[in-house]
N, C-alpha and C. Protein backbone atom coordinates (compact mmCIF):
# COMPACT_ATOMS: atom_id res chain seq x y z
N UNK A 1 123.30 78.77 96.57
CA UNK A 1 121.91 79.16 96.44
C UNK A 1 121.57 80.14 97.55
N UNK A 2 120.92 81.23 97.19
CA UNK A 2 120.66 82.31 98.13
C UNK A 2 119.18 82.38 98.46
N UNK A 3 118.85 82.38 99.75
CA UNK A 3 117.48 82.55 100.23
C UNK A 3 117.43 83.87 100.98
N UNK A 4 116.51 84.73 100.59
CA UNK A 4 116.48 86.08 101.17
C UNK A 4 115.71 86.17 102.47
N UNK A 5 114.66 85.32 102.65
CA UNK A 5 113.88 85.37 103.88
C UNK A 5 112.96 84.16 103.95
N UNK A 6 112.16 84.09 105.02
CA UNK A 6 111.46 82.85 105.36
C UNK A 6 110.07 82.72 104.77
N UNK A 7 109.57 83.70 104.04
CA UNK A 7 108.22 83.57 103.49
C UNK A 7 108.14 82.38 102.54
N UNK A 8 106.96 81.79 102.45
CA UNK A 8 106.80 80.52 101.75
C UNK A 8 107.13 80.59 100.27
N UNK A 9 107.00 81.77 99.67
CA UNK A 9 107.34 81.87 98.25
C UNK A 9 108.85 82.06 98.03
N UNK A 10 109.62 82.09 99.12
CA UNK A 10 111.07 82.20 99.03
C UNK A 10 111.78 81.03 99.71
N UNK A 11 111.19 80.49 100.75
CA UNK A 11 111.77 79.35 101.48
C UNK A 11 110.74 78.22 101.41
N UNK A 12 110.75 77.50 100.29
CA UNK A 12 109.76 76.46 100.01
C UNK A 12 110.43 75.10 100.18
N UNK A 13 110.01 74.38 101.20
CA UNK A 13 110.72 73.17 101.61
C UNK A 13 110.79 72.12 100.49
N UNK A 14 109.68 71.87 99.79
CA UNK A 14 109.67 70.84 98.76
C UNK A 14 110.65 71.16 97.64
N UNK A 15 110.71 72.42 97.24
CA UNK A 15 111.65 72.81 96.19
C UNK A 15 113.09 72.68 96.66
N UNK A 16 113.35 73.07 97.90
CA UNK A 16 114.71 72.99 98.43
C UNK A 16 115.17 71.55 98.57
N UNK A 17 114.27 70.64 98.92
CA UNK A 17 114.66 69.23 99.01
C UNK A 17 115.12 68.70 97.66
N UNK A 18 114.44 69.11 96.60
CA UNK A 18 114.85 68.67 95.27
C UNK A 18 116.25 69.19 94.92
N UNK A 19 116.53 70.42 95.30
CA UNK A 19 117.83 71.00 95.01
C UNK A 19 118.92 70.38 95.88
N UNK A 20 118.56 69.99 97.10
CA UNK A 20 119.54 69.34 97.98
C UNK A 20 119.96 67.98 97.43
N UNK A 21 119.10 67.38 96.61
CA UNK A 21 119.42 66.06 96.04
C UNK A 21 120.35 66.16 94.83
N UNK A 22 120.59 67.36 94.33
CA UNK A 22 121.46 67.55 93.18
C UNK A 22 122.91 67.27 93.55
N UNK A 23 123.69 66.82 92.60
CA UNK A 23 125.12 66.63 92.79
C UNK A 23 125.87 67.26 91.64
N UNK A 24 126.85 68.12 91.90
CA UNK A 24 127.26 68.52 93.25
C UNK A 24 126.19 69.37 93.92
N UNK A 25 126.12 69.24 95.23
CA UNK A 25 125.09 69.95 95.98
C UNK A 25 125.47 71.41 96.16
N UNK A 26 124.51 72.33 95.98
CA UNK A 26 124.84 73.75 96.19
C UNK A 26 124.99 74.09 97.67
N UNK A 27 125.77 75.11 97.94
CA UNK A 27 125.81 75.70 99.27
C UNK A 27 124.55 76.53 99.45
N UNK A 28 123.91 76.40 100.60
CA UNK A 28 122.68 77.15 100.89
C UNK A 28 123.01 78.30 101.82
N UNK A 29 122.78 79.52 101.36
CA UNK A 29 123.03 80.73 102.15
C UNK A 29 121.68 81.30 102.57
N UNK A 30 121.51 81.48 103.89
CA UNK A 30 120.22 81.90 104.44
C UNK A 30 120.42 83.01 105.47
N UNK A 31 119.37 83.77 105.78
CA UNK A 31 119.48 84.74 106.87
C UNK A 31 119.69 84.04 108.21
N UNK A 32 120.44 84.69 109.07
CA UNK A 32 120.71 84.11 110.38
C UNK A 32 119.41 83.92 111.15
N UNK A 33 119.25 82.73 111.74
CA UNK A 33 118.05 82.42 112.50
C UNK A 33 117.14 81.41 111.82
N UNK A 34 117.46 81.03 110.59
CA UNK A 34 116.59 80.11 109.85
C UNK A 34 117.15 78.69 109.76
N UNK A 35 118.26 78.43 110.42
CA UNK A 35 118.90 77.12 110.24
C UNK A 35 117.97 75.97 110.63
N UNK A 36 117.19 76.13 111.69
CA UNK A 36 116.33 75.03 112.11
C UNK A 36 115.24 74.73 111.09
N UNK A 37 114.91 75.71 110.25
CA UNK A 37 113.89 75.49 109.23
C UNK A 37 114.42 74.72 108.03
N UNK A 38 115.73 74.69 107.87
CA UNK A 38 116.30 73.99 106.71
C UNK A 38 117.14 72.79 107.14
N UNK A 39 117.24 72.53 108.44
CA UNK A 39 118.15 71.49 108.94
C UNK A 39 117.80 70.10 108.42
N UNK A 40 116.53 69.84 108.14
CA UNK A 40 116.10 68.51 107.72
C UNK A 40 115.89 68.40 106.21
N UNK A 41 116.36 69.38 105.47
CA UNK A 41 116.14 69.37 104.03
C UNK A 41 117.22 68.63 103.26
N UNK A 42 118.32 68.29 103.92
CA UNK A 42 119.36 67.51 103.27
C UNK A 42 120.58 68.27 102.81
N UNK A 43 120.67 69.54 103.15
CA UNK A 43 121.85 70.31 102.74
C UNK A 43 123.01 70.04 103.69
N UNK A 44 124.15 69.81 103.11
CA UNK A 44 125.35 69.51 103.89
C UNK A 44 126.11 70.77 104.27
N UNK A 45 125.93 71.84 103.52
CA UNK A 45 126.66 73.08 103.79
C UNK A 45 125.67 74.24 103.81
N UNK A 46 125.33 74.69 105.01
CA UNK A 46 124.39 75.80 105.20
C UNK A 46 125.13 76.93 105.90
N UNK A 47 125.02 78.12 105.35
CA UNK A 47 125.70 79.30 105.91
C UNK A 47 124.63 80.33 106.27
N UNK A 48 124.66 80.81 107.50
CA UNK A 48 123.75 81.87 107.94
C UNK A 48 124.48 83.21 107.94
N UNK A 49 123.83 84.22 107.40
CA UNK A 49 124.41 85.56 107.37
C UNK A 49 123.38 86.57 107.87
N UNK A 50 123.88 87.62 108.47
CA UNK A 50 123.06 88.77 108.76
C UNK A 50 123.57 89.94 107.93
N UNK A 51 122.77 90.97 107.78
CA UNK A 51 123.17 92.11 106.95
C UNK A 51 124.50 92.67 107.44
N UNK A 52 125.43 92.85 106.51
CA UNK A 52 126.76 93.32 106.84
C UNK A 52 127.80 92.22 106.90
N UNK A 53 127.36 90.95 106.94
CA UNK A 53 128.30 89.83 106.95
C UNK A 53 128.48 89.28 105.55
N UNK A 54 129.58 88.56 105.33
CA UNK A 54 129.85 88.01 104.01
C UNK A 54 130.65 86.73 104.09
N UNK A 55 130.64 85.99 102.99
CA UNK A 55 131.42 84.77 102.86
C UNK A 55 131.95 84.72 101.43
N UNK A 56 132.72 83.68 101.14
CA UNK A 56 133.18 83.43 99.78
C UNK A 56 132.85 81.98 99.44
N UNK A 57 132.19 81.76 98.32
CA UNK A 57 131.82 80.42 97.86
C UNK A 57 132.43 80.21 96.49
N UNK A 58 133.31 79.23 96.37
CA UNK A 58 133.97 78.91 95.10
C UNK A 58 134.61 80.15 94.48
N UNK A 59 135.20 80.99 95.32
CA UNK A 59 135.88 82.19 94.84
C UNK A 59 134.98 83.39 94.62
N UNK A 60 133.67 83.24 94.86
CA UNK A 60 132.72 84.34 94.65
C UNK A 60 132.38 84.99 95.98
N UNK A 61 132.72 86.27 96.19
CA UNK A 61 132.31 86.96 97.42
C UNK A 61 130.81 87.18 97.44
N UNK A 62 130.20 86.91 98.59
CA UNK A 62 128.76 87.10 98.78
C UNK A 62 128.57 87.87 100.07
N UNK A 63 127.92 89.02 99.99
CA UNK A 63 127.67 89.85 101.17
C UNK A 63 126.17 90.01 101.35
N UNK A 64 125.69 89.80 102.57
CA UNK A 64 124.28 90.04 102.88
C UNK A 64 124.07 91.54 103.09
N UNK A 65 122.98 92.06 102.56
CA UNK A 65 122.67 93.48 102.68
C UNK A 65 121.33 93.67 103.36
N UNK A 66 121.07 94.86 103.76
CA UNK A 66 119.79 95.18 104.40
C UNK A 66 118.65 95.00 103.40
N UNK A 67 117.48 94.62 103.92
CA UNK A 67 116.24 94.64 103.16
C UNK A 67 115.15 95.20 104.06
N UNK A 68 114.27 96.00 103.52
CA UNK A 68 113.18 96.61 104.28
C UNK A 68 111.93 95.76 104.05
N UNK A 69 111.80 94.68 104.86
CA UNK A 69 110.72 93.71 104.63
C UNK A 69 110.49 92.91 105.90
N UNK A 70 109.24 92.74 106.30
CA UNK A 70 108.91 91.93 107.47
C UNK A 70 108.98 90.47 107.04
N UNK A 71 109.95 89.74 107.58
CA UNK A 71 110.23 88.39 107.09
C UNK A 71 109.66 87.29 107.96
N UNK A 72 108.83 87.61 108.95
CA UNK A 72 108.29 86.56 109.81
C UNK A 72 107.45 85.58 108.99
N UNK A 73 107.72 84.30 109.17
CA UNK A 73 107.01 83.26 108.42
C UNK A 73 105.54 83.20 108.85
N UNK A 74 105.27 83.51 110.11
CA UNK A 74 103.93 83.63 110.66
C UNK A 74 104.09 84.45 111.94
N UNK A 75 102.98 84.88 112.57
CA UNK A 75 103.13 85.78 113.74
C UNK A 75 104.05 85.28 114.83
N UNK A 76 104.17 83.95 114.99
CA UNK A 76 105.05 83.40 116.03
C UNK A 76 106.32 82.83 115.44
N UNK A 77 106.64 83.21 114.20
CA UNK A 77 107.80 82.67 113.53
C UNK A 77 109.10 83.22 114.07
N UNK A 78 110.23 82.67 113.62
CA UNK A 78 111.54 83.09 114.13
C UNK A 78 111.86 84.52 113.72
N UNK A 79 112.57 85.25 114.58
CA UNK A 79 112.89 86.65 114.29
C UNK A 79 114.10 86.80 113.36
N UNK A 80 114.05 86.12 112.23
CA UNK A 80 115.15 86.21 111.26
C UNK A 80 114.86 87.35 110.29
N UNK A 81 115.84 88.21 110.10
CA UNK A 81 115.64 89.36 109.23
C UNK A 81 115.64 88.95 107.77
N UNK A 82 114.99 89.74 106.95
CA UNK A 82 115.12 89.59 105.51
C UNK A 82 116.40 90.29 105.07
N UNK A 83 117.03 89.73 104.05
CA UNK A 83 118.26 90.32 103.53
C UNK A 83 118.21 90.32 102.01
N UNK A 84 119.09 91.12 101.42
CA UNK A 84 119.44 91.02 100.01
C UNK A 84 120.87 90.50 99.94
N UNK A 85 121.38 90.37 98.73
CA UNK A 85 122.76 89.88 98.58
C UNK A 85 123.48 90.66 97.49
N UNK A 86 124.74 90.94 97.76
CA UNK A 86 125.62 91.58 96.80
C UNK A 86 126.70 90.57 96.45
N UNK A 87 126.79 90.21 95.18
CA UNK A 87 127.72 89.18 94.73
C UNK A 87 128.83 89.81 93.90
N UNK A 88 130.05 89.30 94.08
CA UNK A 88 131.18 89.77 93.30
C UNK A 88 132.00 90.79 94.04
N UNK A 89 132.90 91.41 93.32
CA UNK A 89 133.81 92.40 93.88
C UNK A 89 133.54 93.77 93.26
N UNK A 90 133.95 94.84 93.93
CA UNK A 90 133.76 96.18 93.37
C UNK A 90 134.25 96.25 91.93
N UNK A 91 133.41 96.77 91.08
CA UNK A 91 133.74 96.84 89.66
C UNK A 91 133.11 95.73 88.85
N UNK A 92 132.62 94.69 89.54
CA UNK A 92 131.94 93.59 88.86
C UNK A 92 130.98 92.95 89.85
N UNK A 93 129.85 93.60 90.10
CA UNK A 93 128.95 93.17 91.16
C UNK A 93 127.51 93.05 90.67
N UNK A 94 126.80 92.10 91.29
CA UNK A 94 125.38 91.89 91.04
C UNK A 94 124.64 91.99 92.35
N UNK A 95 123.51 92.67 92.36
CA UNK A 95 122.70 92.86 93.55
C UNK A 95 121.39 92.11 93.38
N UNK A 96 121.10 91.19 94.31
CA UNK A 96 119.82 90.50 94.38
C UNK A 96 119.08 91.08 95.56
N UNK A 97 117.97 91.77 95.31
CA UNK A 97 117.31 92.54 96.36
C UNK A 97 116.45 91.70 97.29
N UNK A 98 116.07 90.47 96.88
CA UNK A 98 115.10 89.73 97.68
C UNK A 98 113.77 90.45 97.64
N UNK A 99 113.06 90.50 98.75
CA UNK A 99 111.87 91.33 98.89
C UNK A 99 112.24 92.54 99.72
N UNK A 100 111.90 93.73 99.25
CA UNK A 100 112.25 94.94 99.99
C UNK A 100 111.46 96.12 99.47
N UNK A 101 111.38 97.13 100.27
CA UNK A 101 110.93 98.44 99.84
C UNK A 101 112.18 99.28 99.55
N UNK A 102 112.00 100.45 99.00
CA UNK A 102 113.13 101.36 98.80
C UNK A 102 113.65 101.83 100.17
N UNK A 103 114.97 101.89 100.33
CA UNK A 103 115.56 102.46 101.53
C UNK A 103 116.78 103.28 101.13
N UNK A 104 117.07 104.36 101.85
CA UNK A 104 118.11 105.31 101.42
C UNK A 104 119.48 104.69 101.20
N UNK A 105 119.82 103.64 101.99
CA UNK A 105 121.16 103.04 101.90
C UNK A 105 121.39 102.34 100.57
N UNK A 106 120.36 102.18 99.77
CA UNK A 106 120.57 101.61 98.43
C UNK A 106 121.61 102.42 97.65
N UNK A 107 121.67 103.70 97.93
CA UNK A 107 122.59 104.58 97.21
C UNK A 107 124.05 104.26 97.51
N UNK A 108 124.31 103.57 98.61
CA UNK A 108 125.70 103.29 99.01
C UNK A 108 126.02 101.80 99.02
N UNK A 109 125.14 100.95 98.49
CA UNK A 109 125.40 99.52 98.48
C UNK A 109 126.62 99.18 97.62
N UNK A 110 126.75 99.83 96.48
CA UNK A 110 127.86 99.55 95.57
C UNK A 110 128.17 100.80 94.77
N UNK A 111 129.46 101.07 94.61
CA UNK A 111 129.87 102.26 93.87
C UNK A 111 129.76 102.08 92.36
N UNK A 112 129.85 100.84 91.90
CA UNK A 112 129.93 100.59 90.46
C UNK A 112 129.19 99.29 90.16
N UNK A 113 127.85 99.34 90.23
CA UNK A 113 127.03 98.14 90.16
C UNK A 113 126.74 97.75 88.71
N UNK A 114 127.02 96.50 88.40
CA UNK A 114 126.77 96.02 87.05
C UNK A 114 125.31 95.66 86.84
N UNK A 115 124.75 94.81 87.71
CA UNK A 115 123.42 94.25 87.48
C UNK A 115 122.62 94.27 88.76
N UNK A 116 121.34 94.62 88.65
CA UNK A 116 120.42 94.59 89.78
C UNK A 116 119.22 93.73 89.42
N UNK A 117 118.94 92.73 90.27
CA UNK A 117 117.73 91.91 90.14
C UNK A 117 116.69 92.51 91.08
N UNK A 118 115.68 93.16 90.49
CA UNK A 118 114.77 94.01 91.25
C UNK A 118 113.36 93.42 91.26
N UNK A 119 112.78 93.18 92.45
CA UNK A 119 111.38 92.73 92.50
C UNK A 119 110.44 93.85 92.06
N UNK A 120 109.43 93.50 91.27
CA UNK A 120 108.52 94.52 90.75
C UNK A 120 107.06 94.22 91.10
N UNK A 121 106.81 93.12 91.80
CA UNK A 121 105.45 92.83 92.24
C UNK A 121 105.52 91.75 93.31
N UNK A 122 104.38 91.16 93.65
CA UNK A 122 104.29 90.11 94.64
C UNK A 122 103.59 88.90 94.06
N UNK A 123 102.71 88.28 94.85
CA UNK A 123 102.04 87.08 94.38
C UNK A 123 100.51 87.23 94.39
N UNK A 124 100.01 88.39 94.69
CA UNK A 124 98.56 88.59 94.73
C UNK A 124 98.16 89.88 94.05
N UNK A 125 96.88 90.25 94.16
CA UNK A 125 96.39 91.44 93.48
C UNK A 125 96.81 92.75 94.13
N UNK A 126 97.29 92.71 95.39
CA UNK A 126 97.72 93.91 96.07
C UNK A 126 99.08 93.66 96.72
N UNK A 127 99.76 94.74 97.08
CA UNK A 127 101.05 94.66 97.76
C UNK A 127 100.96 95.31 99.13
N UNK A 128 101.52 94.65 100.13
CA UNK A 128 101.61 95.24 101.45
C UNK A 128 102.91 95.99 101.61
N UNK A 129 103.17 96.50 102.82
CA UNK A 129 104.44 97.20 103.08
C UNK A 129 105.62 96.27 102.85
N UNK A 130 106.74 96.86 102.50
CA UNK A 130 107.96 96.08 102.32
C UNK A 130 108.09 95.44 100.96
N UNK A 131 107.38 95.94 99.98
CA UNK A 131 107.46 95.43 98.61
C UNK A 131 107.68 96.59 97.65
N UNK A 132 108.20 96.25 96.49
CA UNK A 132 108.34 97.22 95.41
C UNK A 132 107.31 96.93 94.33
N UNK A 133 106.58 97.98 93.93
CA UNK A 133 105.76 97.88 92.73
C UNK A 133 106.59 98.45 91.58
N UNK A 134 106.08 98.46 90.35
CA UNK A 134 106.90 98.96 89.24
C UNK A 134 107.46 100.36 89.44
N UNK A 135 106.65 101.27 89.99
CA UNK A 135 107.14 102.64 90.20
C UNK A 135 108.20 102.68 91.30
N UNK A 136 107.98 101.94 92.38
CA UNK A 136 108.97 101.91 93.46
C UNK A 136 110.27 101.27 93.00
N UNK A 137 110.16 100.23 92.18
CA UNK A 137 111.37 99.58 91.67
C UNK A 137 112.16 100.52 90.77
N UNK A 138 111.46 101.32 89.97
CA UNK A 138 112.15 102.29 89.13
C UNK A 138 112.82 103.36 89.99
N UNK A 139 112.17 103.76 91.08
CA UNK A 139 112.79 104.72 91.99
C UNK A 139 114.04 104.14 92.63
N UNK A 140 114.03 102.83 92.90
CA UNK A 140 115.22 102.18 93.46
C UNK A 140 116.39 102.27 92.49
N UNK A 141 116.12 102.22 91.20
CA UNK A 141 117.20 102.31 90.22
C UNK A 141 117.92 103.65 90.31
N UNK A 142 117.18 104.71 90.66
CA UNK A 142 117.82 106.02 90.80
C UNK A 142 118.89 105.98 91.89
N UNK A 143 118.68 105.16 92.92
CA UNK A 143 119.65 105.05 94.01
C UNK A 143 120.76 104.05 93.69
N UNK A 144 120.39 102.92 93.10
CA UNK A 144 121.36 101.85 92.85
C UNK A 144 122.30 102.15 91.68
N UNK A 145 121.79 102.79 90.65
CA UNK A 145 122.55 103.18 89.45
C UNK A 145 123.27 101.99 88.79
N UNK A 146 122.58 100.87 88.53
CA UNK A 146 123.24 99.75 87.86
C UNK A 146 123.33 99.98 86.36
N UNK A 147 124.17 99.24 85.69
CA UNK A 147 124.19 99.26 84.23
C UNK A 147 122.99 98.51 83.66
N UNK A 148 122.64 97.41 84.32
CA UNK A 148 121.57 96.54 83.85
C UNK A 148 120.61 96.25 84.99
N UNK A 149 119.32 96.27 84.71
CA UNK A 149 118.30 95.89 85.69
C UNK A 149 117.40 94.82 85.08
N UNK A 150 117.16 93.76 85.85
CA UNK A 150 116.28 92.69 85.42
C UNK A 150 115.14 92.58 86.43
N UNK A 151 113.90 92.80 86.01
CA UNK A 151 112.77 92.69 86.95
C UNK A 151 112.51 91.22 87.32
N UNK A 152 112.29 90.98 88.61
CA UNK A 152 112.00 89.63 89.12
C UNK A 152 110.77 89.71 90.02
N UNK A 153 110.35 88.54 90.54
CA UNK A 153 109.25 88.46 91.50
C UNK A 153 107.94 88.93 90.87
N UNK A 154 107.62 88.35 89.73
CA UNK A 154 106.36 88.66 89.05
C UNK A 154 105.95 87.43 88.23
N UNK A 155 104.65 87.30 87.99
CA UNK A 155 104.14 86.33 87.03
C UNK A 155 104.23 84.88 87.43
N UNK A 156 104.48 84.57 88.70
CA UNK A 156 104.67 83.18 89.09
C UNK A 156 103.49 82.62 89.86
N UNK A 157 103.04 83.32 90.89
CA UNK A 157 101.99 82.83 91.78
C UNK A 157 100.76 83.73 91.71
N UNK A 158 99.60 83.10 91.96
CA UNK A 158 98.35 83.85 91.99
C UNK A 158 97.45 83.18 93.02
N UNK A 159 96.73 83.95 93.85
CA UNK A 159 95.91 83.34 94.89
C UNK A 159 94.89 82.36 94.31
N UNK A 160 94.80 81.18 94.91
CA UNK A 160 93.90 80.14 94.43
C UNK A 160 92.46 80.63 94.36
N UNK A 161 92.05 81.38 95.37
CA UNK A 161 90.66 81.83 95.42
C UNK A 161 90.30 82.79 94.29
N UNK A 162 91.32 83.40 93.67
CA UNK A 162 91.08 84.34 92.58
C UNK A 162 91.46 83.75 91.24
N UNK A 163 91.60 82.44 91.17
CA UNK A 163 92.07 81.81 89.95
C UNK A 163 91.14 82.09 88.76
N UNK A 164 89.85 82.27 89.04
CA UNK A 164 88.91 82.54 87.95
C UNK A 164 89.20 83.86 87.25
N UNK A 165 89.96 84.74 87.92
CA UNK A 165 90.29 86.04 87.33
C UNK A 165 91.62 86.04 86.60
N UNK A 166 92.31 84.89 86.61
CA UNK A 166 93.67 84.82 86.09
C UNK A 166 93.78 85.40 84.67
N UNK A 167 92.83 85.06 83.81
CA UNK A 167 92.91 85.54 82.43
C UNK A 167 92.35 86.93 82.22
N UNK A 168 91.80 87.54 83.28
CA UNK A 168 91.14 88.83 83.13
C UNK A 168 91.95 89.98 83.71
N UNK A 169 93.05 89.69 84.35
CA UNK A 169 93.88 90.74 84.93
C UNK A 169 95.29 90.59 84.39
N UNK A 170 96.02 91.67 84.45
CA UNK A 170 97.37 91.66 83.91
C UNK A 170 98.46 91.50 84.94
N UNK A 171 98.11 91.10 86.17
CA UNK A 171 99.11 91.03 87.24
C UNK A 171 100.16 89.97 87.00
N UNK A 172 99.90 88.99 86.14
CA UNK A 172 100.90 87.98 85.85
C UNK A 172 101.79 88.36 84.67
N UNK A 173 101.50 89.48 84.02
CA UNK A 173 102.28 89.85 82.84
C UNK A 173 102.66 91.32 82.77
N UNK A 174 101.89 92.20 83.36
CA UNK A 174 102.10 93.64 83.17
C UNK A 174 103.23 94.26 83.99
N UNK A 175 103.48 93.83 85.25
CA UNK A 175 104.43 94.56 86.10
C UNK A 175 105.81 94.80 85.50
N UNK A 176 106.48 93.83 84.88
CA UNK A 176 107.82 94.13 84.37
C UNK A 176 107.82 95.15 83.24
N UNK A 177 106.77 95.17 82.46
CA UNK A 177 106.71 96.12 81.35
C UNK A 177 106.39 97.53 81.86
N UNK A 178 105.54 97.60 82.89
CA UNK A 178 105.30 98.90 83.53
C UNK A 178 106.58 99.41 84.18
N UNK A 179 107.32 98.51 84.81
CA UNK A 179 108.61 98.87 85.39
C UNK A 179 109.56 99.42 84.33
N UNK A 180 109.62 98.76 83.18
CA UNK A 180 110.51 99.22 82.11
C UNK A 180 110.14 100.62 81.66
N UNK A 181 108.84 100.91 81.58
CA UNK A 181 108.41 102.26 81.18
C UNK A 181 108.79 103.29 82.24
N UNK A 182 108.58 102.96 83.52
CA UNK A 182 108.93 103.89 84.59
C UNK A 182 110.44 104.08 84.67
N UNK A 183 111.20 103.01 84.46
CA UNK A 183 112.65 103.11 84.50
C UNK A 183 113.17 104.00 83.37
N UNK A 184 112.55 103.92 82.22
CA UNK A 184 112.97 104.76 81.10
C UNK A 184 112.76 106.24 81.42
N UNK A 185 111.79 106.51 82.28
CA UNK A 185 111.51 107.89 82.67
C UNK A 185 112.43 108.36 83.79
N UNK A 186 112.64 107.52 84.81
CA UNK A 186 113.38 107.93 86.00
C UNK A 186 114.88 107.65 85.91
N UNK A 187 115.25 106.59 85.21
CA UNK A 187 116.66 106.19 85.14
C UNK A 187 116.97 105.74 83.71
N UNK A 188 116.91 106.65 82.76
CA UNK A 188 117.04 106.26 81.35
C UNK A 188 118.39 105.67 80.99
N UNK A 189 119.41 105.87 81.82
CA UNK A 189 120.73 105.34 81.53
C UNK A 189 120.84 103.84 81.84
N UNK A 190 119.85 103.28 82.54
CA UNK A 190 119.88 101.87 82.92
C UNK A 190 119.27 101.01 81.81
N UNK A 191 119.96 99.96 81.45
CA UNK A 191 119.47 98.99 80.47
C UNK A 191 118.54 98.02 81.18
N UNK A 192 117.25 98.04 80.85
CA UNK A 192 116.27 97.15 81.47
C UNK A 192 115.95 96.01 80.51
N UNK A 193 116.06 94.78 81.00
CA UNK A 193 115.77 93.61 80.18
C UNK A 193 114.75 92.74 80.89
N UNK A 194 113.61 92.54 80.25
CA UNK A 194 112.56 91.68 80.78
C UNK A 194 112.79 90.28 80.23
N UNK A 195 113.06 89.33 81.12
CA UNK A 195 113.37 87.96 80.71
C UNK A 195 112.20 87.03 81.03
N UNK A 196 111.95 86.11 80.13
CA UNK A 196 110.97 85.07 80.36
C UNK A 196 111.64 83.88 81.05
N UNK A 197 110.86 83.00 81.72
CA UNK A 197 111.46 81.84 82.38
C UNK A 197 112.34 81.04 81.42
N UNK A 198 113.56 80.76 81.86
CA UNK A 198 114.50 79.99 81.06
C UNK A 198 115.34 80.83 80.11
N UNK A 199 115.02 82.10 79.97
CA UNK A 199 115.76 82.97 79.06
C UNK A 199 117.03 83.47 79.73
N UNK A 200 118.09 83.63 78.96
CA UNK A 200 119.37 84.11 79.47
C UNK A 200 119.72 85.43 78.79
N UNK A 201 120.62 86.16 79.43
CA UNK A 201 121.08 87.42 78.85
C UNK A 201 122.54 87.62 79.24
N UNK A 202 123.36 88.21 78.38
CA UNK A 202 124.77 88.45 78.75
C UNK A 202 124.89 89.57 79.76
N UNK A 203 125.93 89.53 80.55
CA UNK A 203 126.20 90.62 81.47
C UNK A 203 126.53 91.89 80.70
N UNK A 204 126.30 93.05 81.31
CA UNK A 204 126.54 94.30 80.57
C UNK A 204 128.00 94.52 80.25
N UNK A 205 128.23 95.23 79.15
CA UNK A 205 129.57 95.65 78.78
C UNK A 205 130.07 96.61 79.84
N UNK A 206 131.31 96.47 80.24
CA UNK A 206 131.89 97.36 81.25
C UNK A 206 131.98 98.79 80.77
N UNK A 207 131.93 99.00 79.48
CA UNK A 207 132.03 100.37 78.95
C UNK A 207 130.65 100.97 78.87
N UNK A 208 130.43 102.09 79.56
CA UNK A 208 129.15 102.78 79.51
C UNK A 208 128.97 103.38 78.13
């Protein structure tokens, strides 16, 4: 299980405790500096990585990559960086971006990327620095050049104080579809698939 950074919508203690109770228990991979935040959650195998480091879990190579995102849990929180993850080996790789803005090194993360899991929104009505909106996520595809892109980080959370507006705004449903339209314009060679919770999709055919 991969955790990209310490923000509450990514490192949620109650959810992690439930997963730690599963058998067989998953290995928990986290950014370096967060071990004390997960030490009491019940995980027996916790691995800390910083960008540029990697491990292998059950034969699967996992490399931590840079992410352009302020990952402090609160102003006095631990100085653990946000990361993304690159899974697999060259020629068969998946990129999980975590939370990030576009950064130039995306162009050199992988030479032959199969699948990119790209965040296209956040959890509120506006986005701060270090996030991708649908247009920014489509611009990231120009650098990453994956065969398949799946939009993530949308439609899950909404600020409690604005709950009365939930049915009047499209922030819980529109971002992935706007991303698909922008991707068709900027990176038409990329297959974009918008998945609903619980939906599965096959990996892309190796033949372009």
